Amino acid sequence: MRGSGWTAALIVAAAAAACDGSRTEVVRGATAGTLVDVACEGNVPWGSRCATLAVHENRATRSGRTISLWILILPASESPRAADPVFYLAGGPGQAAGELAGMAARFGLRRTRDIVLADQRGTGRSNGFECRFYGPPGDPQSYFQPFLPPDKVRVCRDELAARADLTQYTTAASVEDLEEIRAALGFDRINVMGGSYGTRLAMEYVRKYEGRVRSVVLDGPVPTSVSMPEDFGMLAQQSLDALIDECAATPACAEAFPDIRAEARALFDRLKRGPVTALVAHPDGGRPAQVTLTRDHVGEAIRYMMYVSRFAGDVPRFIHEAARGNFGPIATFLIRHRVSGTFEGLYLAITCTEDVPFVSDGAEPRDEPTYLGSYRIREQRAACKDWPRGAAPEWRGRPVSARVPVLILSGTLDPVTPPAHGAEVARTLPNSRLLTVPFGGHSRAGLQGLECLEGSITRFVERADFEELDQACIGRIARPPFSIPR
């Protein structure tokens, strides 16, 4: 997700957007349960089927507004077609599943199975919640605001409230949406793949509808004990420390940056004393301008670089440059990260109900000594103070226990869903396996040797068991070289 901290990044980070920017709005009077085939617009794979399904916005009263959920089906490329499709659940919360069509079209699983991508309520064409927080492009400094600018959060809340009951956009409601989609498409059982936040949605679906699930793949799982953004700082520091250890153990990196650990410490000590400046230009042809960066901005940039394996290799060089006073590379990365100017409002709708109210009182003091600090907790608490809140989740702190086969993937350098989270989820799933991917971030994009892992995932779903799971192949995965200045 652009800006959430859960972004959706996983294997998703390399995916190109697959749809145009149009939205399916909330409508009154559409009959709930009505599935309608519609023309596939935008850059969707050839041969796709597109449809909308009307559902009640308020599932408790089952009256009033309905939402048209947008569904993209990528048909199996070969015959015979298996009866059980793969439903891919996007992360964030806030990423639209339809945006991942380009990636999903290349799934090895698509050879014999349909792939279903349904935009979750509040995303994409399912009455998407888009907040404009950063910009305009002609003003580079406008991209270096707080992560959640208070005035713009309020504006977005008011705009969305005019067309949506923000208390109804929860994981529980999305579970029921998912079940209606399955039934409307006529599938008896499905295979579920979830990334990041999508793992929460996947396992809550399993909790309620296990009999409808044949297999599950969780990529970067989130336990029910986790309250975003609690411990974001500590997890980010843990990942950065591990990356620096890797640099020190890699001759070329150690030679180029012999004092990188001390430089990182000195850099953030400097940022605690006040802001810095850098020269940066907006990627869309803007003129270079001097901008002011705070500790929060630099921390956010480093953390998001750690999200994606191909960017993590740049972190030692960027820290080295910043420690010498050159903040340009970090500023450029952050403005590119915020380039769209938007933030997915579903992230606030979900976390203000399901996470932030449960963050412990001691969370800020724990995170403050880390390089990231505790700004995420402060800003999300402030944003949620006046955001409409739905019913407290019944599942909080209650791990899912199920017999369905579950394959769990975690990256060793993941700064938000580390391997410890995968192990926690696995404890109550007796028919599960946890694969820890070396050098993996929240997204594995950029790692070398991923083909065997992707093949193992395909074979697992094809068989719905672990008999042919090649666990040893992860030893052949390698990181791309660290970025070394010439």
Protein backbone atom coordinates (compact mmCIF):
# COMPACT_ATOMS: atom_id res chain seq x y z
CA MET A 1 0.00 0.00 0.00
CA ARG A 2 1.19 3.47 -0.76
CA GLY A 3 2.15 4.67 2.66
CA SER A 4 0.44 2.18 4.92
CA GLY A 5 3.35 0.34 6.31
CA TRP A 6 1.80 -2.95 5.35
CA THR A 7 2.04 -2.29 1.75
CA ALA A 8 1.28 -4.73 0.01
CA ALA A 9 4.42 -5.37 -1.15
CA LEU A 10 5.27 -9.12 -1.02
CA ILE A 11 5.62 -10.48 -4.54
CA VAL A 12 3.17 -7.74 -5.30
CA ALA A 13 5.77 -4.99 -5.38
CA ALA A 14 6.83 -5.83 -8.91
CA ALA A 15 3.32 -6.02 -10.30
CA ALA A 16 2.09 -3.43 -12.75
CA ALA A 17 -1.31 -1.83 -12.24
CA ALA A 18 -3.79 -3.74 -14.35
CA CYS A 19 -6.87 -1.52 -14.40
CA ASP A 20 -7.73 2.01 -15.36
CA GLY A 21 -8.62 4.50 -12.67
CA SER A 22 -12.39 4.22 -12.84
CA ARG A 23 -14.38 3.32 -9.74
CA THR A 24 -17.55 1.36 -9.09
CA GLU A 25 -19.55 3.66 -6.84
CA VAL A 26 -21.99 2.91 -4.05
CA VAL A 27 -25.46 2.61 -5.49
CA ARG A 28 -28.96 2.62 -4.03
CA GLY A 29 -31.56 0.19 -5.21
CA ALA A 30 -29.28 -2.44 -6.75
CA THR A 31 -30.49 -5.86 -5.63
CA ALA A 32 -28.01 -7.42 -3.23
CA GLY A 33 -26.69 -10.73 -4.51
CA THR A 34 -26.94 -9.75 -8.16
CA LEU A 35 -23.91 -10.86 -10.22
CA VAL A 36 -23.53 -9.01 -13.50
CA ASP A 37 -20.93 -9.63 -16.20
CA VAL A 38 -19.41 -6.36 -17.37
CA ALA A 39 -16.94 -5.29 -20.01
CA CYS A 40 -13.31 -5.56 -18.93
CA GLU A 41 -11.83 -2.09 -19.21
CA GLY A 42 -8.24 -0.99 -18.91
CA ASN A 43 -5.10 -3.08 -19.18
CA VAL A 44 -6.43 -6.49 -18.09
CA PRO A 45 -5.01 -9.75 -19.48
CA TRP A 46 -6.56 -11.05 -22.69
CA GLY A 47 -9.44 -13.45 -22.17
CA SER A 48 -10.34 -12.16 -18.71
CA ARG A 49 -13.87 -12.18 -17.38
CA CYS A 50 -15.07 -9.17 -15.36
CA ALA A 51 -18.16 -8.95 -13.18
CA THR A 52 -19.73 -7.00 -10.35
CA LEU A 53 -21.61 -8.36 -7.36
CA ALA A 54 -23.97 -6.13 -5.38
CA VAL A 55 -23.75 -6.60 -1.60
CA HIS A 56 -25.20 -4.79 1.38
CA GLU A 57 -22.89 -2.14 2.78
CA ASN A 58 -24.36 -2.74 6.24
CA ARG A 59 -24.47 -6.51 6.62
CA ALA A 60 -26.16 -6.37 10.03
CA THR A 61 -29.28 -4.53 8.86
CA ARG A 62 -29.14 -5.83 5.26
CA SER A 63 -30.84 -2.66 4.11
CA GLY A 64 -29.97 0.70 2.60
CA ARG A 65 -26.92 1.18 0.41
CA THR A 66 -25.39 -1.58 -1.64
CA ILE A 67 -21.85 -1.77 -2.95
CA SER A 68 -20.87 -3.21 -6.30
CA LEU A 69 -17.81 -5.39 -5.72
CA TRP A 70 -15.60 -5.61 -8.80
CA ILE A 71 -14.32 -9.08 -9.72
CA LEU A 72 -11.70 -10.12 -12.27
CA ILE A 73 -11.42 -13.79 -13.27
CA LEU A 74 -8.35 -14.97 -15.16
CA PRO A 75 -9.39 -18.29 -16.73
CA ALA A 76 -7.08 -21.30 -16.63
CA SER A 77 -4.82 -21.40 -19.67
CA GLU A 78 -5.05 -25.16 -20.25
CA SER A 79 -7.57 -27.97 -20.04
CA PRO A 80 -8.79 -29.74 -18.08
CA ARG A 81 -9.56 -26.93 -15.66
CA ALA A 82 -9.53 -27.76 -11.95
CA ALA A 83 -12.83 -27.13 -10.16
CA ASP A 84 -11.21 -25.12 -7.35
CA PRO A 85 -9.84 -21.69 -8.33
CA VAL A 86 -7.25 -19.56 -6.54
CA PHE A 87 -8.55 -16.43 -4.81
CA TYR A 88 -5.75 -13.92 -4.29
CA LEU A 89 -6.30 -11.46 -1.41
CA ALA A 90 -4.28 -8.24 -1.59
CA GLY A 91 -2.47 -6.47 1.22
CA GLY A 92 -2.44 -3.02 2.70
CA PRO A 93 -5.14 -2.93 3.88
CA GLY A 94 -6.09 -0.83 0.91
CA GLN A 95 -4.56 -2.42 -2.17
CA ALA A 96 -7.02 -3.43 -4.86
CA ALA A 97 -6.61 -7.04 -5.93
CA GLY A 98 -7.36 -6.09 -9.52
CA GLU A 99 -4.12 -4.10 -9.60
CA LEU A 100 -2.25 -7.41 -9.38
CA ALA A 101 -3.65 -8.89 -12.58
CA GLY A 102 -0.34 -8.61 -14.42
CA MET A 103 1.42 -10.60 -11.70
CA ALA A 104 -1.41 -13.11 -11.27
CA ALA A 105 -1.54 -13.80 -15.01
CA ARG A 106 1.99 -15.23 -14.70
CA PHE A 107 1.17 -17.58 -11.79
CA GLY A 108 2.16 -21.15 -12.61
CA LEU A 109 -1.10 -22.11 -10.94
CA ARG A 110 -3.04 -20.45 -13.74
CA ARG A 111 -2.15 -23.32 -16.05
CA THR A 112 -4.95 -25.44 -14.58
CA ARG A 113 -6.88 -23.08 -12.29
CA ASP A 114 -8.85 -19.89 -12.64
CA ILE A 115 -7.40 -16.96 -10.68
CA VAL A 116 -9.98 -14.71 -9.00
CA LEU A 117 -9.08 -11.14 -8.05
CA ALA A 118 -11.89 -9.31 -6.27
CA ASP A 119 -11.36 -5.74 -5.13
CA GLN A 120 -12.10 -5.69 -1.40
CA ARG A 121 -14.79 -3.22 -0.30
CA GLY A 122 -13.17 0.19 0.00
CA THR A 123 -10.51 -0.54 -2.65
CA GLY A 124 -10.19 -0.05 -6.39
CA ARG A 125 -13.50 -0.33 -8.19
CA SER A 126 -15.37 -1.57 -5.12
CA ASN A 127 -16.16 1.93 -3.87
CA GLY A 128 -12.45 2.63 -3.42
CA PHE A 129 -11.31 4.99 -0.65
CA GLU A 130 -8.59 7.19 -2.09
CA CYS A 131 -7.21 10.04 0.01
CA ARG A 132 -5.02 12.73 -1.55
CA PHE A 133 -2.35 13.48 1.03
CA TYR A 134 0.75 14.60 -0.91
CA GLY A 135 1.42 16.99 -3.76
CA PRO A 136 0.95 18.85 -6.07
CA PRO A 137 3.86 17.75 -8.32
CA GLY A 138 5.05 21.31 -8.82
CA ASP A 139 5.75 21.66 -5.09
CA PRO A 140 8.30 19.03 -4.02
CA GLN A 141 8.11 20.10 -0.36
CA SER A 142 4.43 19.09 -0.33
CA TYR A 143 5.59 15.48 -0.57
CA PHE A 144 7.51 15.85 2.68
CA GLN A 145 4.55 16.34 4.99
CA PRO A 146 3.77 14.05 7.92
CA PHE A 147 2.87 10.48 7.03
CA LEU A 148 -0.75 11.26 7.99
CA PRO A 149 -1.31 15.04 7.61
CA PRO A 150 -4.08 15.81 10.16
CA ASP A 151 -5.93 18.38 8.05
CA LYS A 152 -5.95 16.10 4.99
CA VAL A 153 -7.05 13.10 7.05
CA ARG A 154 -10.10 15.11 8.17
CA VAL A 155 -10.87 16.26 4.63
CA CYS A 156 -10.67 12.71 3.31
CA ARG A 157 -12.82 11.38 6.14
CA ASP A 158 -15.54 13.91 5.35
CA GLU A 159 -15.41 13.23 1.61
CA LEU A 160 -15.65 9.47 2.08
CA ALA A 161 -18.41 9.74 4.70
CA ALA A 162 -20.60 11.41 2.08
CA ARG A 163 -20.76 8.13 0.12
CA ALA A 164 -19.90 5.41 2.63
CA ASP A 165 -20.59 4.35 6.19
CA LEU A 166 -16.96 4.06 7.25
CA THR A 167 -17.85 1.79 10.17
CA GLN A 168 -18.87 -0.97 7.75
CA TYR A 169 -15.50 -1.43 6.06
CA THR A 170 -13.99 -4.14 8.25
CA THR A 171 -12.31 -7.50 7.87
CA ALA A 172 -15.46 -9.25 9.13
CA ALA A 173 -17.59 -7.60 6.44
CA SER A 174 -15.02 -8.49 3.78
CA VAL A 175 -15.09 -12.14 4.89
CA GLU A 176 -18.82 -12.22 4.12
CA ASP A 177 -18.22 -10.44 0.80
CA LEU A 178 -15.69 -13.11 -0.11
CA GLU A 179 -18.12 -15.91 0.72
CA GLU A 180 -20.85 -14.27 -1.40
CA ILE A 181 -18.43 -13.96 -4.31
CA ARG A 182 -17.50 -17.65 -4.05
CA ALA A 183 -21.13 -18.69 -4.01
CA ALA A 184 -22.17 -16.34 -6.81
CA LEU A 185 -19.40 -17.66 -9.08
CA GLY A 186 -20.52 -21.22 -8.39
CA PHE A 187 -17.36 -22.63 -6.81
CA ASP A 188 -17.76 -25.32 -4.17
CA ARG A 189 -14.26 -24.94 -2.70
CA ILE A 190 -11.46 -22.47 -3.27
CA ASN A 191 -7.73 -22.10 -2.66
CA VAL A 192 -6.83 -18.89 -0.86
CA MET A 193 -3.58 -16.94 -1.20
CA GLY A 194 -3.04 -13.84 0.93
CA GLY A 195 -0.22 -11.36 1.20
CA SER A 196 0.43 -9.15 4.26
CA TYR A 197 -2.97 -7.82 5.43
CA GLY A 198 -4.49 -10.32 2.99
CA THR A 199 -3.32 -13.08 5.35
CA ARG A 200 -5.60 -11.66 8.07
CA LEU A 201 -8.54 -11.71 5.68
CA ALA A 202 -7.60 -15.21 4.48
CA MET A 203 -7.43 -16.72 7.96
CA GLU A 204 -10.64 -15.05 9.14
CA TYR A 205 -12.32 -16.59 6.10
CA VAL A 206 -10.85 -19.96 7.12
CA ARG A 207 -12.07 -19.46 10.69
CA LYS A 208 -15.67 -19.12 9.51
CA TYR A 209 -15.74 -21.11 6.27
CA GLU A 210 -13.02 -23.76 6.58
CA GLY A 211 -15.20 -26.29 4.79
CA ARG A 212 -15.05 -24.11 1.67
CA VAL A 213 -11.24 -23.94 1.65
CA ARG A 214 -9.01 -26.55 0.01
CA SER A 215 -5.57 -24.94 0.68
CA VAL A 216 -4.07 -21.69 1.92
CA VAL A 217 -0.83 -19.81 1.18
CA LEU A 218 0.09 -17.03 3.62
CA ASP A 219 2.85 -14.67 2.47
CA GLY A 220 4.06 -12.46 5.33
CA PRO A 221 1.38 -13.51 7.83
CA VAL A 222 -0.11 -11.29 10.52
CA PRO A 223 -1.09 -12.95 13.83
CA THR A 224 -4.31 -11.95 15.55
CA SER A 225 -2.19 -10.65 18.45
CA VAL A 226 -0.66 -7.89 16.31
CA SER A 227 -2.02 -4.34 16.60
CA MET A 228 -0.67 -2.07 13.89
CA PRO A 229 1.50 -0.05 14.24
CA GLU A 230 2.72 -1.40 17.60
CA ASP A 231 6.41 -2.41 17.50
CA PHE A 232 6.89 -1.07 13.97
CA GLY A 233 10.01 0.72 15.21
CA MET A 234 11.46 -2.33 16.94
CA LEU A 235 10.80 -4.59 13.95
CA ALA A 236 12.34 -2.05 11.57
CA GLN A 237 15.44 -1.78 13.77
CA GLN A 238 15.74 -5.56 13.94
CA SER A 239 15.72 -5.79 10.14
CA LEU A 240 18.20 -2.95 9.67
CA ASP A 241 20.59 -4.50 12.19
CA ALA A 242 20.40 -7.84 10.35
CA LEU A 243 21.05 -6.13 7.00
CA ILE A 244 24.10 -4.36 8.43
CA ASP A 245 25.34 -7.72 9.70
CA GLU A 246 24.99 -9.06 6.16
CA CYS A 247 26.93 -6.09 4.79
CA ALA A 248 29.71 -6.67 7.33
CA ALA A 249 29.89 -10.34 6.28
CA THR A 250 30.04 -9.48 2.56
CA PRO A 251 33.60 -8.50 1.54
CA ALA A 252 32.66 -5.90 -1.08
CA CYS A 253 30.11 -4.20 1.19
CA ALA A 254 32.38 -4.34 4.23
CA GLU A 255 35.22 -2.79 2.25
CA ALA A 256 33.03 -0.02 0.82
CA PHE A 257 31.31 0.78 4.14
CA PRO A 258 33.64 -0.33 6.96
CA ASP A 259 31.95 1.94 9.53
CA ILE A 260 28.34 1.57 8.39
CA ARG A 261 26.98 0.61 11.82
CA ALA A 262 28.51 3.68 13.44
CA GLU A 263 27.41 5.84 10.52
CA ALA A 264 23.81 4.68 10.90
CA ARG A 265 23.85 5.47 14.60
CA ALA A 266 25.42 8.89 14.02
CA LEU A 267 22.94 9.67 11.22
CA PHE A 268 19.87 9.19 13.37
CA ASP A 269 21.47 10.91 16.36
CA ARG A 270 21.93 13.90 14.03
CA LEU A 271 18.32 13.74 12.86
CA LYS A 272 17.06 13.77 16.44
CA ARG A 273 18.55 17.25 16.77
CA GLY A 274 16.53 18.72 13.90
CA PRO A 275 15.66 18.58 10.19
CA VAL A 276 18.03 18.50 7.24
CA THR A 277 17.79 19.68 3.62
CA ALA A 278 18.23 17.98 0.27
CA LEU A 279 17.93 18.79 -3.41
CA VAL A 280 15.20 16.77 -5.10
CA ALA A 281 12.93 16.91 -8.15
CA HIS A 282 9.48 15.42 -8.68
CA PRO A 283 9.81 12.36 -10.97
CA ASP A 284 7.33 13.79 -13.49
CA GLY A 285 9.78 16.30 -14.89
CA GLY A 286 9.71 18.76 -12.03
CA ARG A 287 12.51 21.23 -11.45
CA PRO A 288 14.98 20.42 -8.67
CA ALA A 289 14.22 22.21 -5.44
CA GLN A 290 15.53 22.21 -1.91
CA VAL A 291 13.31 20.36 0.55
CA THR A 292 13.38 19.85 4.30
CA LEU A 293 13.41 16.32 5.71
CA THR A 294 12.85 15.21 9.29
CA ARG A 295 13.92 12.11 11.17
CA ASP A 296 10.48 10.67 10.38
CA HIS A 297 10.97 11.11 6.63
CA VAL A 298 14.40 9.49 6.61
CA GLY A 299 13.21 6.64 8.82
CA GLU A 300 10.20 6.04 6.59
CA ALA A 301 12.38 5.92 3.48
CA ILE A 302 14.84 3.44 4.99
CA ARG A 303 12.02 1.25 6.26
CA TYR A 304 10.31 1.11 2.87
CA MET A 305 13.60 0.33 1.17
CA MET A 306 13.86 -2.63 3.54
CA TYR A 307 10.39 -3.78 2.42
CA VAL A 308 11.62 -4.86 -1.01
CA SER A 309 14.66 -7.10 -1.41
CA ARG A 310 15.96 -5.30 -4.50
CA PHE A 311 15.96 -1.94 -2.67
CA ALA A 312 17.42 -3.25 0.59
CA GLY A 313 20.79 -3.62 -1.11
CA ASP A 314 20.90 0.16 -1.53
CA VAL A 315 20.42 0.90 2.18
CA PRO A 316 24.12 0.86 3.24
CA ARG A 317 25.04 3.25 0.43
CA PHE A 318 22.14 5.62 1.18
CA ILE A 319 23.01 5.67 4.89
CA HIS A 320 26.67 6.28 4.05
CA GLU A 321 25.79 9.19 1.77
CA ALA A 322 23.40 10.71 4.32
CA ALA A 323 25.95 10.38 7.10
CA ARG A 324 28.27 12.51 4.92
CA GLY A 325 25.51 15.11 4.48
CA ASN A 326 24.05 14.02 1.13
CA PHE A 327 20.35 13.32 1.73
CA GLY A 328 19.46 13.53 -1.96
CA PRO A 329 19.20 9.75 -2.59
CA ILE A 330 16.92 9.23 0.41
CA ALA A 331 14.75 12.22 -0.50
CA THR A 332 14.45 10.97 -4.08
CA PHE A 333 13.38 7.51 -2.90
CA LEU A 334 10.70 8.96 -0.62
CA ILE A 335 9.22 11.30 -3.21
CA ARG A 336 9.04 8.38 -5.65
CA HIS A 337 7.30 6.34 -2.97
CA ARG A 338 4.73 9.11 -2.52
CA VAL A 339 4.63 10.08 -6.19
CA SER A 340 0.92 9.32 -6.74
CA GLY A 341 0.04 11.73 -3.93
CA THR A 342 -2.54 9.25 -2.64
CA PHE A 343 -3.10 7.11 0.42
CA GLU A 344 -5.58 4.24 0.67
CA GLY A 345 -8.30 5.29 3.08
CA LEU A 346 -9.25 1.69 3.81
CA TYR A 347 -6.03 1.48 5.83
CA LEU A 348 -7.53 3.98 8.27
CA ALA A 349 -10.98 2.37 8.18
CA ILE A 350 -9.51 -1.04 9.08
CA THR A 351 -6.78 -0.03 11.51
CA CYS A 352 -8.85 2.56 13.39
CA THR A 353 -11.30 -0.23 14.22
CA GLU A 354 -9.15 -3.34 14.45
CA ASP A 355 -5.68 -2.22 15.53
CA VAL A 356 -4.97 1.26 16.87
CA PRO A 357 -7.44 1.05 19.81
CA PHE A 358 -5.53 -2.01 21.04
CA VAL A 359 -1.99 -0.60 20.84
CA SER A 360 -0.49 -0.82 24.34
CA ASP A 361 0.38 2.20 26.46
CA GLY A 362 4.05 1.20 26.43
CA ALA A 363 4.35 1.03 22.66
CA GLU A 364 5.71 4.56 22.12
CA PRO A 365 8.51 4.31 24.71
CA ARG A 366 9.60 0.96 23.21
CA ASP A 367 9.81 2.29 19.67
CA GLU A 368 11.27 5.74 20.35
CA PRO A 369 14.93 4.60 20.77
CA THR A 370 14.89 2.87 17.37
CA TYR A 371 15.93 4.57 14.15
CA LEU A 372 12.28 4.75 13.08
CA GLY A 373 11.10 6.20 16.38
CA SER A 374 7.46 6.21 17.43
CA TYR A 375 5.93 8.70 14.99
CA ARG A 376 3.73 6.04 13.40
CA ILE A 377 1.97 5.34 16.69
CA ARG A 378 1.46 9.03 17.46
CA GLU A 379 0.20 9.89 13.98
CA GLN A 380 -2.12 6.92 13.65
CA ARG A 381 -3.62 7.54 17.08
CA ALA A 382 -4.24 11.16 16.11
CA ALA A 383 -5.77 10.17 12.75
CA CYS A 384 -8.05 7.60 14.39
CA LYS A 385 -9.25 9.96 17.12
CA ASP A 386 -12.05 11.33 14.93
CA TRP A 387 -12.32 8.50 12.38
CA PRO A 388 -15.62 6.54 12.57
CA ARG A 389 -15.00 3.23 14.29
CA GLY A 390 -16.78 -0.06 13.55
CA ALA A 391 -17.56 -2.91 15.91
CA ALA A 392 -14.56 -4.28 17.81
CA PRO A 393 -13.27 -7.43 16.12
CA GLU A 394 -14.29 -10.68 17.78
CA TRP A 395 -11.14 -12.40 16.54
CA ARG A 396 -8.56 -10.16 18.23
CA GLY A 397 -6.10 -12.28 20.17
CA ARG A 398 -7.84 -15.51 19.12
CA PRO A 399 -5.55 -17.48 16.79
CA VAL A 400 -7.18 -19.54 14.07
CA SER A 401 -7.07 -23.29 14.62
CA ALA A 402 -7.85 -25.32 11.51
CA ARG A 403 -6.93 -28.57 9.76
CA VAL A 404 -6.78 -27.09 6.25
CA PRO A 405 -3.25 -27.31 4.74
CA VAL A 406 -1.49 -23.95 5.08
CA LEU A 407 1.86 -22.97 3.56
CA ILE A 408 3.44 -20.01 5.37
CA LEU A 409 6.22 -17.84 3.92
CA SER A 410 8.30 -15.32 5.88
CA GLY A 411 11.36 -13.27 4.89
CA THR A 412 14.35 -13.06 7.21
CA LEU A 413 14.68 -9.30 6.67
CA ASP A 414 10.98 -8.46 6.63
CA PRO A 415 10.61 -5.25 8.70
CA VAL A 416 6.87 -5.66 9.39
CA THR A 417 5.91 -9.38 9.34
CA PRO A 418 9.07 -11.20 10.49
CA PRO A 419 9.52 -14.98 10.74
CA ALA A 420 8.41 -14.87 14.40
CA HIS A 421 4.96 -13.86 13.17
CA GLY A 422 4.89 -16.83 10.81
CA ALA A 423 5.86 -19.17 13.65
CA GLU A 424 3.09 -17.74 15.84
CA VAL A 425 0.45 -18.32 13.17
CA ALA A 426 1.74 -21.85 12.53
CA ARG A 427 1.43 -22.91 16.19
CA THR A 428 -2.33 -23.44 15.97
CA LEU A 429 -2.32 -24.87 12.45
CA PRO A 430 -1.27 -28.52 12.79
CA ASN A 431 -1.33 -29.06 9.02
CA SER A 432 1.03 -26.22 8.14
CA ARG A 433 4.63 -25.62 7.06
CA LEU A 434 6.69 -22.46 7.56
CA LEU A 435 9.33 -21.56 4.98
CA THR A 436 11.74 -18.80 5.99
CA VAL A 437 13.14 -17.13 2.90
CA PRO A 438 16.75 -15.94 3.29
CA PHE A 439 17.40 -12.26 2.46
CA GLY A 440 13.65 -11.81 1.94
CA GLY A 441 11.95 -8.53 2.76
CA HIS A 442 8.22 -7.96 2.87
CA SER A 443 8.57 -8.45 -0.88
CA ARG A 444 11.03 -10.94 -2.35
CA ALA A 445 11.26 -8.97 -5.61
CA GLY A 446 14.89 -8.81 -6.71
CA LEU A 447 16.13 -12.01 -5.07
CA GLN A 448 17.89 -14.56 -7.24
CA GLY A 449 16.82 -18.20 -7.50
CA LEU A 450 13.14 -17.76 -6.64
CA GLU A 451 12.02 -20.18 -9.35
CA CYS A 452 12.24 -23.23 -7.11
CA LEU A 453 10.20 -21.51 -4.39
CA GLU A 454 7.51 -20.52 -6.87
CA GLY A 455 7.48 -24.10 -8.15
CA SER A 456 7.05 -25.41 -4.62
CA ILE A 457 4.10 -23.10 -4.04
CA THR A 458 2.49 -24.30 -7.28
CA ARG A 459 2.96 -27.97 -6.39
CA PHE A 460 1.60 -27.39 -2.88
CA VAL A 461 -1.64 -25.89 -4.20
CA GLU A 462 -1.96 -28.49 -6.94
CA ARG A 463 -1.76 -31.33 -4.40
CA ALA A 464 -3.05 -29.56 -1.26
CA ASP A 465 -0.35 -31.34 0.73
CA PHE A 466 3.37 -31.01 1.48
CA GLU A 467 4.57 -34.25 -0.10
CA GLU A 468 6.48 -32.55 -2.93
CA LEU A 469 7.39 -29.35 -1.08
CA ASP A 470 11.07 -28.66 -1.80
CA GLN A 471 12.09 -26.99 1.44
CA ALA A 472 15.79 -27.34 0.64
CA CYS A 473 15.54 -25.12 -2.41
CA ILE A 474 15.42 -21.97 -0.31
CA GLY A 475 19.12 -22.54 0.33
CA ARG A 476 19.73 -21.65 -3.33
CA ILE A 477 18.11 -18.23 -3.02
CA ALA A 478 20.60 -15.34 -3.06
CA ARG A 479 20.42 -11.60 -2.61
CA PRO A 480 21.34 -9.21 -5.42
CA PRO A 481 24.73 -7.55 -4.84
CA PHE A 482 24.85 -4.61 -2.46
CA SER A 483 24.99 -1.25 -4.19
CA ILE A 484 28.61 -0.10 -4.09
CA PRO A 485 29.70 3.39 -5.27
CA ARG A 486 32.11 3.38 -8.15
